[in-house]
Amino acid sequence: MSTATTIQDGDDSSTEPLLPRENSRETKPKSKFRSRLILACMAAMNVLANMAYSTLAPFFPQEAAAKKLTGGSVDLEVGLIFGTFALVVFVVAPLLGVRVATIGPKFLLCAGVFLLGGATLLFGFVSSIDDWTSFLVVCFLARAVQGCGAAAVDTASWTIVATEFPDKIATVFGALETFSGLGFMIGPALGGALYKANGFPLPFFFMGGLLLLCLPGFMYALPFSMSPTADQHGPNRPTTWKVLRNIWIWMTLLTLFMSSASLGMIEATLATFLKNTFDMGPATIGLVLLLCCGVYLISAPIVGHCADRWGTKRIIIVGLFISSVGTLLLAPSFLVTSFVPRKKLWLFLLSTGIMALGLSLAAVPTFSDMIRTAQKMGFKKGMVLNGVISGISTSFFSLGEAFGPSVGGLITGKMDFSHATTIFALALAAHGYIYLILALCFPSKVK
C-alpha cells in the first residue's frame, strides 16, 4: 500500500521524502510583531470579505422584483444568483489550492481582494440596467467573480495560517472564525442601512471601495517571505486526489460539509418557524439568530485552543453528538415530543445555544485535523500541503452553505420545520456514530 493510503501511525521523519526547502527565509524564527501583524491582516480580511458578499441579502430580492416588469415571482432567479457564489467557490477553491504554493499565498490573497472588491463595485451598477435579461446576466457575472475572489481569499488565508502557525492551527482558525462571523453579521445590517439611506448602489460602492482601498495596506503589511515556493515534484507531491484517498480526510470533510449545511438550513428556515410558532417580529427573529451566531463566535476560539491541546478528533466527535441533540430539540422533533414540552420559548433558546456550541465543536477543528492526517499519510509539512487542504476545506464548506438552505427549504415546504431539523439531526448523529466506530477501531488515530 502506498504512503498516501496507509492507515498506520508511524514516525513522520521515516516517511518524509527529502524534498527541496520551500523557502529558507520561512525557517527563521518568527517575531511576535510579525505574528501579530499577520493575525491583524487575516482578521481584517475575514471581516471585510464576509461583509462584501453578504451585504446584498436584505434588499436585493426586492430590487430584482422591481426589475421584472412582467411580474411574477423572482424567487428562483434570486436563489440561483445567490447560489452561483457557493457553486463557483466549490469548483475554484481546490484548483487554486493545488497551485497556491507556486502562485504565492500573498499574491493570491491580494488578487482575491481585487476581484472581490471589483465585483462588489460592479454590483452597484446593475440597478441602472432596465432589461431583465441583461440585468440577470450582469448579476450572475458579478456574483461569479465574487465567488472567484472569495475562493482565492479563503484558500490563501488558511494556507498562510497553517504555514505561519503550524502548532496552533485550530486555535488561530477558531479566533479567525469569530471575525468571519462578525463580517456576516455586520454585512447585511450595514447593507440594509446604506440602501435605506441612499438607494441600491451605495452599499456596493462602499464595500467594494473599502476593499480596494485596503488592498495596498494588505500588500504592504503581509511579509515578503509569503512568496512562491519551489514546487514539489515526484510521487509524494501533495495533490487533491492523493489527499482524498484517506478515509479520515473524507470523514472530516463530511463533518465540515454537514456543519455548514446545518447552519445554512437554520438561517434559511428559522424565521418562518419563529413567526408561526411564537408570533415573533423581524427584530426579535434577528435577536434569536444573533444568539445562535453569538454562541458559535464566542466558543470558536475556545474550541480551537482545546483541539490543539486535547486532540481534534475527540472534539469533532463530541461536537457532532451535541449539535445533533440541539437540532433535535429545536422544534422539537416528533421523535422527542412524548417527553419534551412543545412551544416553549426557553427550550427553543436553550436548544439553539446547544446546537451552535455543537457545530462550533464539530467545525472549528476540521482544518487542523486534515493537516495532521495528511502529514501522517507521509506528505511533507509545508505550504504545498497547506494549500491543498485549504482548497478542499473551502470547497466543502461552500458546498454545505449551498446544500443546507436549498434542501432545508425543500423539506420545510413539503413537510414542516420539525421534519427538516429531525432529518439534519439524524444525519449529524449518524455521522458521529460512524466517526466514533472508526475511532474505536483505530484508537491511535484519535489525536
Protein backbone atom coordinates (compact mmCIF):
# COMPACT_ATOMS: atom_id res chain seq x y z
CA MET A 1 0.00 0.00 0.00
CA SER A 2 1.30 3.47 -0.88
CA THR A 3 2.19 6.09 1.69
CA ALA A 4 -0.85 8.09 0.60
CA THR A 5 -3.29 5.38 1.67
CA THR A 6 -1.69 3.81 4.73
CA ILE A 7 -3.72 3.91 7.95
CA GLN A 8 -0.94 3.04 10.36
CA ASP A 9 0.76 5.63 12.51
CA GLY A 10 4.48 5.93 12.36
CA ASP A 11 7.41 8.22 12.75
CA ASP A 12 6.81 11.12 10.41
CA SER A 13 10.53 11.50 9.80
CA SER A 14 10.76 7.98 8.35
CA THR A 15 8.11 8.66 5.75
CA GLU A 16 9.02 12.21 4.77
CA PRO A 17 10.85 12.33 1.46
CA LEU A 18 13.87 14.56 1.06
CA LEU A 19 12.37 17.47 -0.86
CA PRO A 20 13.70 20.94 -1.63
CA ARG A 21 13.34 23.56 1.03
CA GLU A 22 10.26 25.62 0.35
CA ASN A 23 11.83 28.89 1.40
CA SER A 24 14.87 29.32 3.55
CA ARG A 25 13.50 32.55 4.96
CA GLU A 26 10.50 30.71 6.43
CA THR A 27 12.73 28.59 8.64
CA LYS A 28 13.84 31.58 10.65
CA PRO A 29 12.18 32.21 13.99
CA LYS A 30 9.18 34.46 13.61
CA SER A 31 8.91 37.57 15.77
CA LYS A 32 5.87 38.39 17.85
CA PHE A 33 5.38 41.56 15.80
CA ARG A 34 5.27 39.55 12.57
CA SER A 35 2.77 37.09 14.05
CA ARG A 36 0.54 39.85 15.33
CA LEU A 37 0.71 41.68 12.03
CA ILE A 38 -0.33 38.57 10.12
CA LEU A 39 -3.18 37.90 12.55
CA ALA A 40 -4.38 41.50 12.26
CA CYS A 41 -4.35 41.28 8.44
CA MET A 42 -6.21 37.96 8.44
CA ALA A 43 -8.80 39.25 10.92
CA ALA A 44 -9.44 42.40 8.86
CA MET A 45 -9.58 40.30 5.69
CA ASN A 46 -12.17 37.94 7.15
CA VAL A 47 -14.40 40.77 8.34
CA LEU A 48 -14.26 42.73 5.08
CA ALA A 49 -14.64 39.73 2.75
CA ASN A 50 -17.66 38.37 4.58
CA MET A 51 -19.23 41.82 4.74
CA ALA A 52 -18.75 42.26 0.98
CA TYR A 53 -20.55 39.14 -0.20
CA SER A 54 -23.32 39.23 2.43
CA THR A 55 -24.25 42.91 2.12
CA LEU A 56 -26.92 42.39 -0.58
CA ALA A 57 -29.08 39.92 1.37
CA PRO A 58 -31.65 42.34 2.88
CA PHE A 59 -32.60 44.34 -0.23
CA PHE A 60 -31.55 42.53 -3.43
CA PRO A 61 -34.73 40.39 -3.77
CA GLN A 62 -37.00 43.45 -3.84
CA GLU A 63 -34.71 45.20 -6.33
CA ALA A 64 -34.86 42.16 -8.60
CA ALA A 65 -38.65 42.04 -8.32
CA ALA A 66 -38.84 45.69 -9.40
CA LYS A 67 -36.76 44.93 -12.48
CA LYS A 68 -39.05 42.12 -13.66
CA LEU A 69 -41.68 44.25 -15.36
CA THR A 70 -43.74 41.21 -16.42
CA GLY A 71 -44.48 40.49 -12.76
CA GLY A 72 -44.44 37.10 -11.10
CA SER A 73 -42.10 35.59 -8.53
CA VAL A 74 -38.35 36.13 -8.74
CA ASP A 75 -37.51 33.60 -6.01
CA LEU A 76 -35.92 31.17 -8.48
CA GLU A 77 -33.75 33.79 -10.16
CA VAL A 78 -32.66 35.31 -6.85
CA GLY A 79 -31.90 31.88 -5.42
CA LEU A 80 -29.77 30.99 -8.44
CA ILE A 81 -27.87 34.28 -8.23
CA PHE A 82 -27.12 33.69 -4.55
CA GLY A 83 -26.24 30.04 -5.22
CA THR A 84 -23.82 30.94 -8.01
CA PHE A 85 -21.41 32.27 -5.42
CA ALA A 86 -21.22 29.00 -3.49
CA LEU A 87 -21.01 26.91 -6.67
CA VAL A 88 -18.07 28.93 -8.03
CA VAL A 89 -16.21 28.70 -4.69
CA PHE A 90 -16.81 24.93 -4.64
CA VAL A 91 -15.27 24.49 -8.10
CA VAL A 92 -12.48 27.09 -7.99
CA ALA A 93 -11.07 26.64 -4.46
CA PRO A 94 -9.50 23.16 -4.99
CA LEU A 95 -7.97 24.33 -8.28
CA LEU A 96 -6.33 27.26 -6.51
CA GLY A 97 -5.33 25.13 -3.53
CA VAL A 98 -3.01 22.86 -5.51
CA ARG A 99 -1.22 25.88 -7.03
CA VAL A 100 -1.13 28.30 -4.10
CA ALA A 101 2.48 27.44 -3.23
CA THR A 102 3.56 28.12 -6.82
CA ILE A 103 1.49 31.28 -7.21
CA GLY A 104 2.34 32.52 -3.74
CA PRO A 105 -0.27 32.97 -0.98
CA LYS A 106 0.38 36.70 -0.68
CA PHE A 107 -0.23 37.31 -4.39
CA LEU A 108 -3.28 35.03 -4.38
CA LEU A 109 -4.72 36.81 -1.36
CA CYS A 110 -4.27 40.26 -2.90
CA ALA A 111 -5.65 39.08 -6.25
CA GLY A 112 -8.70 37.70 -4.46
CA VAL A 113 -9.28 41.01 -2.68
CA PHE A 114 -9.03 42.83 -6.01
CA LEU A 115 -11.57 40.51 -7.67
CA LEU A 116 -13.93 40.61 -4.70
CA GLY A 117 -13.77 44.40 -4.43
CA GLY A 118 -14.14 44.92 -8.18
CA ALA A 119 -17.11 42.57 -8.47
CA THR A 120 -18.79 44.23 -5.48
CA LEU A 121 -18.38 47.60 -7.20
CA LEU A 122 -19.84 46.10 -10.39
CA PHE A 123 -22.97 45.11 -8.46
CA GLY A 124 -23.58 48.77 -7.73
CA PHE A 125 -24.21 49.48 -11.43
CA VAL A 126 -26.81 46.76 -12.08
CA SER A 127 -29.63 48.98 -10.86
CA SER A 128 -29.16 51.14 -13.98
CA ILE A 129 -29.89 48.15 -16.27
CA ASP A 130 -33.57 48.10 -17.29
CA ASP A 131 -33.63 45.00 -19.49
CA TRP A 132 -34.45 41.95 -17.35
CA THR A 133 -32.21 39.52 -19.26
CA SER A 134 -29.24 41.88 -19.21
CA PHE A 135 -29.83 42.51 -15.51
CA LEU A 136 -29.67 38.78 -14.78
CA VAL A 137 -26.56 38.23 -16.90
CA VAL A 138 -24.62 41.01 -15.15
CA CYS A 139 -25.78 39.80 -11.72
CA PHE A 140 -24.66 36.24 -12.45
CA LEU A 141 -21.34 37.51 -13.79
CA ALA A 142 -20.69 39.75 -10.79
CA ARG A 143 -21.64 37.00 -8.33
CA ALA A 144 -19.37 34.50 -10.13
CA VAL A 145 -16.41 36.91 -9.98
CA GLN A 146 -17.18 37.47 -6.29
CA GLY A 147 -17.01 33.70 -5.85
CA CYS A 148 -13.61 33.54 -7.58
CA GLY A 149 -12.32 36.31 -5.33
CA ALA A 150 -13.69 34.69 -2.19
CA ALA A 151 -12.19 31.31 -3.15
CA ALA A 152 -8.80 32.96 -3.60
CA VAL A 153 -9.04 34.90 -0.32
CA ASP A 154 -10.17 31.91 1.76
CA THR A 155 -7.69 29.46 0.24
CA ALA A 156 -4.76 31.84 0.60
CA SER A 157 -5.66 32.97 4.12
CA TRP A 158 -5.95 29.42 5.54
CA THR A 159 -2.72 28.48 3.78
CA ILE A 160 -0.99 31.42 5.46
CA VAL A 161 -2.46 30.49 8.85
CA ALA A 162 -1.32 26.86 8.58
CA THR A 163 2.15 27.87 7.38
CA GLU A 164 2.77 30.64 9.90
CA PHE A 165 1.20 28.93 12.96
CA PRO A 166 1.78 25.18 12.41
CA ASP A 167 1.48 24.32 16.11
CA LYS A 168 -1.65 26.40 16.78
CA ILE A 169 -3.73 25.92 13.65
CA ALA A 170 -7.02 25.17 15.39
CA THR A 171 -6.55 28.00 17.90
CA VAL A 172 -5.92 30.59 15.17
CA PHE A 173 -8.66 29.11 12.97
CA GLY A 174 -11.15 29.43 15.83
CA ALA A 175 -10.13 33.01 16.54
CA LEU A 176 -10.50 34.00 12.88
CA GLU A 177 -13.89 32.28 12.68
CA THR A 178 -15.04 34.93 15.14
CA PHE A 179 -14.09 37.66 12.68
CA SER A 180 -15.71 35.79 9.78
CA GLY A 181 -18.94 35.63 11.75
CA LEU A 182 -18.71 39.32 12.61
CA GLY A 183 -18.47 40.10 8.91
CA PHE A 184 -21.57 38.04 8.18
CA MET A 185 -23.44 39.79 10.99
CA ILE A 186 -22.35 43.32 10.06
CA GLY A 187 -22.70 42.96 6.28
CA PRO A 188 -26.49 42.59 5.96
CA ALA A 189 -27.19 45.18 8.67
CA LEU A 190 -24.82 47.74 7.13
CA GLY A 191 -26.05 46.96 3.64
CA GLY A 192 -29.66 47.49 4.66
CA ALA A 193 -28.84 50.78 6.37
CA LEU A 194 -26.88 52.13 3.40
CA TYR A 195 -29.62 51.02 0.99
CA LYS A 196 -32.21 52.86 3.05
CA ALA A 197 -30.00 55.97 3.20
CA ASN A 198 -29.22 56.37 -0.50
CA GLY A 199 -30.53 53.54 -2.65
CA PHE A 200 -29.15 50.41 -4.29
CA PRO A 201 -25.63 51.44 -5.46
CA LEU A 202 -24.32 52.85 -2.15
CA PRO A 203 -23.82 49.55 -0.22
CA PHE A 204 -21.79 48.08 -3.10
CA PHE A 205 -19.78 51.22 -3.79
CA PHE A 206 -18.95 51.50 -0.09
CA MET A 207 -17.93 47.86 0.43
CA GLY A 208 -16.16 47.46 -2.90
CA GLY A 209 -14.32 50.72 -2.45
CA LEU A 210 -13.33 49.83 1.11
CA LEU A 211 -11.82 46.52 -0.03
CA LEU A 212 -9.85 48.17 -2.83
CA LEU A 213 -8.66 50.93 -0.51
CA CYS A 214 -7.41 48.34 1.98
CA LEU A 215 -5.60 46.34 -0.72
CA PRO A 216 -2.37 48.42 -0.65
CA GLY A 217 -2.30 48.04 3.14
CA PHE A 218 -2.51 44.25 2.88
CA MET A 219 0.20 44.22 0.20
CA TYR A 220 2.49 46.28 2.42
CA ALA A 221 1.73 44.59 5.75
CA LEU A 222 2.00 40.92 4.76
CA PRO A 223 5.62 39.69 4.93
CA PHE A 224 7.53 39.22 1.68
CA SER A 225 8.50 35.70 2.78
CA MET A 226 4.99 34.65 1.73
CA SER A 227 6.31 34.34 -1.80
CA PRO A 228 6.01 31.42 -4.24
CA THR A 229 7.93 28.34 -3.11
CA ALA A 230 9.89 25.76 -5.02
CA ASP A 231 7.18 23.45 -6.36
CA GLN A 232 7.35 19.84 -5.24
CA HIS A 233 7.50 17.16 -7.92
CA GLY A 234 7.54 13.40 -7.75
CA PRO A 235 5.24 10.71 -6.37
CA ASN A 236 4.94 12.29 -2.89
CA ARG A 237 3.85 15.76 -4.04
CA PRO A 238 0.53 16.53 -2.28
CA THR A 239 -2.41 16.77 -4.66
CA THR A 240 -6.14 16.89 -4.09
CA TRP A 241 -6.70 13.35 -5.35
CA LYS A 242 -3.90 11.85 -3.29
CA VAL A 243 -5.10 13.52 -0.11
CA LEU A 244 -8.68 12.39 -0.76
CA ARG A 245 -7.65 8.72 -0.77
CA ASN A 246 -7.74 8.63 3.02
CA ILE A 247 -10.95 7.73 4.89
CA TRP A 248 -10.16 10.14 7.74
CA ILE A 249 -9.93 13.07 5.33
CA TRP A 250 -13.38 12.22 3.99
CA MET A 251 -14.84 11.86 7.47
CA THR A 252 -13.57 15.30 8.43
CA LEU A 253 -14.68 16.89 5.14
CA LEU A 254 -18.17 15.46 5.64
CA THR A 255 -18.18 16.94 9.14
CA LEU A 256 -17.31 20.36 7.71
CA PHE A 257 -19.95 19.98 5.00
CA MET A 258 -22.68 18.92 7.43
CA SER A 259 -21.83 21.70 9.89
CA SER A 260 -22.09 24.44 7.28
CA ALA A 261 -25.22 22.82 5.80
CA SER A 262 -26.90 22.73 9.22
CA LEU A 263 -26.11 26.41 9.86
CA GLY A 264 -27.39 27.29 6.39
CA MET A 265 -30.60 25.33 6.90
CA ILE A 266 -31.31 27.15 10.17
CA GLU A 267 -30.66 30.58 8.67
CA ALA A 268 -32.97 29.87 5.71
CA THR A 269 -35.93 28.31 7.53
CA LEU A 270 -35.89 29.55 11.13
CA ALA A 271 -37.61 32.90 10.53
CA THR A 272 -40.86 31.34 9.25
CA PHE A 273 -40.95 28.84 12.12
CA LEU A 274 -40.49 31.56 14.76
CA LYS A 275 -43.17 33.75 13.19
CA ASN A 276 -45.70 30.92 13.03
CA THR A 277 -44.89 29.36 16.42
CA PHE A 278 -44.08 32.32 18.69
CA ASP A 279 -45.53 35.18 16.61
CA MET A 280 -42.14 36.91 16.54
CA GLY A 281 -41.49 40.02 14.51
CA PRO A 282 -38.39 40.65 12.35
CA ALA A 283 -36.47 42.42 15.13
CA THR A 284 -36.98 39.58 17.63
CA ILE A 285 -36.11 36.97 14.99
CA GLY A 286 -32.90 38.87 14.33
CA LEU A 287 -32.02 38.69 18.04
CA VAL A 288 -32.59 34.92 18.04
CA LEU A 289 -30.31 34.49 15.03
CA LEU A 290 -27.81 36.72 16.79
CA LEU A 291 -27.91 34.34 19.77
CA CYS A 292 -27.05 31.41 17.51
CA CYS A 293 -24.21 33.31 15.84
CA GLY A 294 -23.01 34.69 19.17
CA VAL A 295 -22.64 31.29 20.81
CA TYR A 296 -20.73 30.00 17.78
CA LEU A 297 -18.44 33.02 17.62
CA ILE A 298 -17.68 33.15 21.34
CA SER A 299 -16.99 29.43 21.59
CA ALA A 300 -14.87 29.13 18.41
CA PRO A 301 -11.56 30.43 19.86
CA ILE A 302 -12.00 28.30 23.00
CA VAL A 303 -12.78 25.22 20.91
CA GLY A 304 -9.70 25.82 18.78
CA HIS A 305 -7.45 26.03 21.84
CA CYS A 306 -8.95 22.83 23.28
CA ALA A 307 -8.50 20.99 19.98
CA ASP A 308 -4.82 21.92 19.80
CA ARG A 309 -4.35 20.77 23.39
CA TRP A 310 -6.51 17.62 23.64
CA GLY A 311 -6.88 16.36 20.07
CA THR A 312 -9.03 17.28 17.10
CA LYS A 313 -10.97 14.07 16.50
CA ARG A 314 -12.21 13.82 20.08
CA ILE A 315 -13.60 17.36 19.87
CA ILE A 316 -15.20 16.70 16.46
CA ILE A 317 -17.00 13.55 17.63
CA VAL A 318 -18.34 15.27 20.76
CA GLY A 319 -19.46 18.21 18.64
CA LEU A 320 -21.40 16.03 16.22
CA PHE A 321 -23.43 14.46 19.04
CA ILE A 322 -24.04 17.76 20.86
CA SER A 323 -25.17 19.50 17.66
CA SER A 324 -27.47 16.58 16.89
CA VAL A 325 -29.16 16.88 20.29
CA GLY A 326 -29.56 20.64 19.97
CA THR A 327 -31.01 20.38 16.45
CA LEU A 328 -33.40 17.62 17.55
CA LEU A 329 -34.80 19.83 20.33
CA LEU A 330 -35.28 22.98 18.24
CA ALA A 331 -38.84 22.42 17.02
CA PRO A 332 -38.81 19.97 18.96
CA SER A 333 -38.67 16.86 16.78
CA PHE A 334 -41.63 14.47 16.71
CA LEU A 335 -39.17 11.82 17.98
CA VAL A 336 -38.96 13.52 21.40
CA THR A 337 -42.32 15.27 21.83
CA SER A 338 -43.58 12.48 24.11
CA PHE A 339 -41.25 13.66 26.89
CA VAL A 340 -40.27 17.21 25.82
CA PRO A 341 -42.66 20.19 26.07
CA ARG A 342 -43.70 21.92 22.85
CA LYS A 343 -43.86 25.63 22.02
CA LYS A 344 -41.71 26.64 24.98
CA LEU A 345 -39.51 29.62 24.22
CA TRP A 346 -36.99 28.79 26.95
CA LEU A 347 -36.48 25.29 25.47
CA PHE A 348 -36.03 26.73 22.00
CA LEU A 349 -33.41 29.24 23.16
CA LEU A 350 -31.57 26.55 25.15
CA SER A 351 -31.53 24.15 22.20
CA THR A 352 -30.32 26.96 19.90
CA GLY A 353 -27.33 27.51 22.18
CA ILE A 354 -26.62 23.76 22.39
CA MET A 355 -26.79 23.37 18.62
CA ALA A 356 -24.48 26.36 17.99
CA LEU A 357 -21.95 25.08 20.55
CA GLY A 358 -22.02 21.61 18.99
CA LEU A 359 -21.49 22.95 15.48
CA SER A 360 -18.56 25.01 16.74
CA LEU A 361 -17.02 21.91 18.34
CA ALA A 362 -17.51 19.94 15.13
CA ALA A 363 -16.40 22.53 12.56
CA VAL A 364 -13.54 24.50 14.11
CA PRO A 365 -11.00 21.61 14.48
CA THR A 366 -11.57 20.24 10.94
CA PHE A 367 -8.84 22.20 9.16
CA SER A 368 -6.18 21.34 11.72
CA ASP A 369 -7.32 17.71 11.75
CA MET A 370 -6.89 17.32 7.99
CA ILE A 371 -3.41 18.86 8.11
CA ARG A 372 -2.38 16.36 10.79
CA THR A 373 -3.94 13.43 8.92
CA ALA A 374 -2.20 14.32 5.67
CA GLN A 375 1.16 14.55 7.46
CA LYS A 376 0.62 11.06 8.90
CA MET A 377 -0.04 9.86 5.34
CA GLY A 378 3.56 10.76 4.55
CA PHE A 379 3.15 14.14 2.89
CA LYS A 380 5.73 16.81 3.63
CA LYS A 381 4.70 19.51 6.06
CA GLY A 382 4.67 22.93 4.40
CA MET A 383 2.95 25.39 2.12
CA VAL A 384 2.15 22.95 -0.69
CA LEU A 385 0.21 20.63 1.62
CA ASN A 386 -1.41 23.55 3.43
CA GLY A 387 -2.66 24.91 0.12
CA VAL A 388 -4.22 21.61 -0.93
CA ILE A 389 -6.03 21.24 2.40
CA SER A 390 -7.14 24.89 2.31
CA GLY A 391 -8.63 24.43 -1.14
CA ILE A 392 -10.70 21.35 -0.37
CA SER A 393 -11.80 22.74 3.02
CA THR A 394 -13.06 25.96 1.42
CA SER A 395 -14.77 23.92 -1.30
CA PHE A 396 -16.69 21.58 1.01
CA PHE A 397 -17.70 24.38 3.39
CA SER A 398 -19.13 26.31 0.45
CA LEU A 399 -20.94 23.22 -0.82
CA GLY A 400 -22.60 22.87 2.58
CA GLU A 401 -23.62 26.53 2.51
CA ALA A 402 -25.43 25.89 -0.79
CA PHE A 403 -26.86 22.49 0.17
CA GLY A 404 -28.29 23.37 3.60
CA PRO A 405 -30.66 26.24 2.67
CA SER A 406 -31.89 24.56 -0.53
CA VAL A 407 -32.59 21.12 0.97
CA GLY A 408 -33.83 22.57 4.26
CA GLY A 409 -36.22 24.86 2.40
CA LEU A 410 -37.44 21.97 0.25
CA ILE A 411 -38.15 19.73 3.28
CA THR A 412 -39.84 22.57 5.17
CA GLY A 413 -42.00 23.40 2.16
CA LYS A 414 -43.09 19.77 1.62
CA MET A 415 -43.49 18.94 5.34
CA ASP A 416 -42.54 21.35 8.13
CA PHE A 417 -39.61 22.77 10.12
CA SER A 418 -39.72 19.90 12.62
CA HIS A 419 -39.13 17.32 9.88
CA ALA A 420 -36.25 19.37 8.46
CA THR A 421 -34.47 19.64 11.82
CA THR A 422 -35.12 15.94 12.52
CA ILE A 423 -33.51 14.85 9.25
CA PHE A 424 -30.47 17.08 9.78
CA ALA A 425 -30.15 15.96 13.42
CA LEU A 426 -30.26 12.28 12.47
CA ALA A 427 -27.65 12.89 9.75
CA LEU A 428 -25.33 14.55 12.28
CA ALA A 429 -25.85 11.71 14.78
CA ALA A 430 -25.29 9.01 12.14
CA HIS A 431 -22.07 10.65 11.04
CA GLY A 432 -20.99 10.94 14.68
CA TYR A 433 -21.60 7.23 15.26
CA ILE A 434 -19.61 6.24 12.18
CA TYR A 435 -16.78 8.55 13.25
CA LEU A 436 -16.87 7.06 16.76
CA ILE A 437 -16.79 3.47 15.49
CA LEU A 438 -13.76 4.24 13.32
CA ALA A 439 -12.08 5.95 16.26
CA LEU A 440 -12.67 2.92 18.49
CA CYS A 441 -11.33 0.58 15.82
CA PHE A 442 -8.21 2.74 15.33
CA PRO A 443 -7.62 4.40 18.72
CA SER A 444 -4.13 5.59 17.78
CA LYS A 445 -5.73 7.95 15.23
CA VAL A 446 -7.81 9.84 17.79
CA LYS A 447 -5.33 12.60 18.50
